[in-house]
C-alpha atoms as a PDB file:
ATOM      1  CA  UNK A   1      46.074 -32.194  73.960  1.00  0.00           C
ATOM      2  CA  UNK A   2      45.452 -35.686  72.652  1.00  0.00           C
ATOM      3  CA  UNK A   3      46.996 -39.034  73.412  1.00  0.00           C
ATOM      4  CA  UNK A   4      46.602 -42.150  71.346  1.00  0.00           C
ATOM      5  CA  UNK A   5      47.650 -45.593  72.416  1.00  0.00           C
ATOM      6  CA  UNK A   6      47.938 -48.810  70.531  1.00  0.00           C
ATOM      7  CA  UNK A   7      48.508 -52.393  71.465  1.00  0.00           C
ATOM      8  CA  UNK A   8      50.100 -54.582  68.813  1.00  0.00           C
ATOM      9  CA  UNK A   9      49.664 -58.338  69.244  1.00  0.00           C
ATOM     10  CA  UNK A  10      52.415 -60.087  67.351  1.00  0.00           C
ATOM     11  CA  UNK A  11      52.998 -63.697  66.307  1.00  0.00           C
ATOM     12  CA  UNK A  12      56.770 -64.406  66.188  1.00  0.00           C
ATOM     13  CA  UNK A  13      58.463 -66.900  63.860  1.00  0.00           C
ATOM     14  CA  UNK A  14      58.477 -70.553  64.751  1.00  0.00           C
ATOM     15  CA  UNK A  15      62.157 -70.474  65.762  1.00  0.00           C
ATOM     16  CA  UNK A  16      61.358 -68.221  68.677  1.00  0.00           C
ATOM     17  CA  UNK A  17      61.758 -71.001  71.355  1.00  0.00           C
ATOM     18  CA  UNK A  18      63.666 -69.068  73.997  1.00  0.00           C
ATOM     19  CA  UNK A  19      63.601 -65.667  75.645  1.00  0.00           C
ATOM     20  CA  UNK A  20      66.786 -64.799  73.828  1.00  0.00           C
ATOM     21  CA  UNK A  21      65.278 -65.568  70.421  1.00  0.00           C
ATOM     22  CA  UNK A  22      62.117 -63.648  71.379  1.00  0.00           C
ATOM     23  CA  UNK A  23      64.169 -60.624  72.281  1.00  0.00           C
ATOM     24  CA  UNK A  24      66.085 -60.849  68.985  1.00  0.00           C
ATOM     25  CA  UNK A  25      62.684 -60.083  67.234  1.00  0.00           C
ATOM     26  CA  UNK A  26      61.168 -57.681  69.768  1.00  0.00           C
ATOM     27  CA  UNK A  27      64.121 -55.331  70.357  1.00  0.00           C
ATOM     28  CA  UNK A  28      64.545 -54.233  66.707  1.00  0.00           C
ATOM     29  CA  UNK A  29      60.807 -53.480  66.431  1.00  0.00           C
ATOM     30  CA  UNK A  30      60.963 -51.418  69.654  1.00  0.00           C
ATOM     31  CA  UNK A  31      63.990 -49.515  68.375  1.00  0.00           C
ATOM     32  CA  UNK A  32      62.418 -48.883  65.032  1.00  0.00           C
ATOM     33  CA  UNK A  33      59.234 -47.466  66.656  1.00  0.00           C
ATOM     34  CA  UNK A  34      61.160 -45.119  68.942  1.00  0.00           C
ATOM     35  CA  UNK A  35      62.356 -43.265  65.837  1.00  0.00           C
ATOM     36  CA  UNK A  36      58.845 -41.931  65.619  1.00  0.00           C
ATOM     37  CA  UNK A  37      59.157 -40.208  69.015  1.00  0.00           C
ATOM     38  CA  UNK A  38      56.640 -42.490  70.765  1.00  0.00           C
ATOM     39  CA  UNK A  39      56.718 -44.247  74.053  1.00  0.00           C
ATOM     40  CA  UNK A  40      56.999 -47.960  73.397  1.00  0.00           C
ATOM     41  CA  UNK A  41      57.474 -51.052  75.464  1.00  0.00           C
ATOM     42  CA  UNK A  42      56.762 -54.798  75.514  1.00  0.00           C
ATOM     43  CA  UNK A  43      53.690 -54.921  77.721  1.00  0.00           C
ATOM     44  CA  UNK A  44      52.293 -58.465  77.511  1.00  0.00           C
ATOM     45  CA  UNK A  45      52.722 -62.131  76.603  1.00  0.00           C
ATOM     46  CA  UNK A  46      55.975 -62.190  78.510  1.00  0.00           C
ATOM     47  CA  UNK A  47      55.661 -65.887  79.275  1.00  0.00           C
ATOM     48  CA  UNK A  48      54.956 -66.903  75.687  1.00  0.00           C
ATOM     49  CA  UNK A  49      57.991 -67.288  73.465  1.00  0.00           C
ATOM     50  CA  UNK A  50      56.085 -67.178  70.164  1.00  0.00           C
ATOM     51  CA  UNK A  51      53.981 -64.104  70.981  1.00  0.00           C
ATOM     52  CA  UNK A  52      54.597 -60.513  72.006  1.00  0.00           C
ATOM     53  CA  UNK A  53      52.459 -57.522  72.873  1.00  0.00           C
ATOM     54  CA  UNK A  54      53.956 -54.093  72.219  1.00  0.00           C
ATOM     55  CA  UNK A  55      52.333 -50.953  73.536  1.00  0.00           C
ATOM     56  CA  UNK A  56      52.823 -47.576  71.872  1.00  0.00           C
ATOM     57  CA  UNK A  57      51.667 -44.182  73.029  1.00  0.00           C
ATOM     58  CA  UNK A  58      51.941 -40.653  71.562  1.00  0.00           C
ATOM     59  CA  UNK A  59      50.991 -37.137  72.758  1.00  0.00           C
ATOM     60  CA  UNK A  60      50.042 -34.485  70.192  1.00  0.00           C
ATOM     61  CA  UNK A  61      48.284 -31.109  70.005  1.00  0.00           C
ATOM     62  CA  UNK A  62      45.682 -32.294  67.478  1.00  0.00           C
ATOM     63  CA  UNK A  63      43.844 -35.656  67.224  1.00  0.00           C
ATOM     64  CA  UNK A  64      44.827 -36.065  63.533  1.00  0.00           C
ATOM     65  CA  UNK A  65      48.502 -35.683  64.453  1.00  0.00           C
ATOM     66  CA  UNK A  66      48.280 -38.478  67.102  1.00  0.00           C
ATOM     67  CA  UNK A  67      46.428 -40.764  64.633  1.00  0.00           C
ATOM     68  CA  UNK A  68      48.927 -40.161  61.965  1.00  0.00           C
ATOM     69  CA  UNK A  69      51.858 -41.171  64.163  1.00  0.00           C
ATOM     70  CA  UNK A  70      50.067 -44.365  65.318  1.00  0.00           C
ATOM     71  CA  UNK A  71      49.053 -45.107  61.721  1.00  0.00           C
ATOM     72  CA  UNK A  72      52.759 -44.884  60.682  1.00  0.00           C
ATOM     73  CA  UNK A  73      53.773 -47.187  63.535  1.00  0.00           C
ATOM     74  CA  UNK A  74      51.074 -49.715  62.704  1.00  0.00           C
ATOM     75  CA  UNK A  75      52.088 -49.753  59.009  1.00  0.00           C
ATOM     76  CA  UNK A  76      55.742 -50.192  59.963  1.00  0.00           C
ATOM     77  CA  UNK A  77      55.011 -53.136  62.237  1.00  0.00           C
ATOM     78  CA  UNK A  78      52.627 -54.722  59.741  1.00  0.00           C
ATOM     79  CA  UNK A  79      55.270 -54.457  57.048  1.00  0.00           C
ATOM     80  CA  UNK A  80      57.853 -56.535  58.842  1.00  0.00           C
ATOM     81  CA  UNK A  81      58.091 -59.776  56.993  1.00  0.00           C
ATOM     82  CA  UNK A  82      59.438 -61.818  59.915  1.00  0.00           C
ATOM     83  CA  UNK A  83      56.405 -61.295  62.194  1.00  0.00           C
ATOM     84  CA  UNK A  84      52.642 -61.471  61.778  1.00  0.00           C
ATOM     85  CA  UNK A  85      50.501 -58.637  63.223  1.00  0.00           C
ATOM     86  CA  UNK A  86      47.512 -60.491  64.723  1.00  0.00           C
ATOM     87  CA  UNK A  87      45.548 -57.540  66.038  1.00  0.00           C
ATOM     88  CA  UNK A  88      45.788 -53.864  66.940  1.00  0.00           C
ATOM     89  CA  UNK A  89      43.744 -52.145  69.719  1.00  0.00           C
ATOM     90  CA  UNK A  90      43.747 -48.432  69.497  1.00  0.00           C
ATOM     91  CA  UNK A  91      42.338 -45.684  71.736  1.00  0.00           C
ATOM     92  CA  UNK A  92      42.252 -41.910  71.418  1.00  0.00           C
ATOM     93  CA  UNK A  93      42.016 -39.782  74.540  1.00  0.00           C
ATOM     94  CA  UNK A  94      41.289 -36.081  74.300  1.00  0.00           C
ATOM     95  CA  UNK A  95      40.526 -33.092  76.516  1.00  0.00           C
ATOM     96  CA  UNK A  96      36.885 -34.082  76.646  1.00  0.00           C
ATOM     97  CA  UNK A  97      37.678 -37.423  78.426  1.00  0.00           C
END
């Protein structure tokens, strides 16, 4: 069994000056990622209106399967024109850990 986690650090558009506006960008991203059967949540930068950190985790039988799902999630987030993906921190955990 393998788990892979990813932390996406996002820069939101300049009009994100309130929590309501921030949620209007973050909620659709989280909903889109859930279609890939991953666990996903906003996990950081809660006090910053122009930034968001979204954590994603997947469990798979093989390492390559976990990597492929997280690769897809990363590509989907990076492809959203309204936000900028600043960084991605990924970690793979396997039976040997």
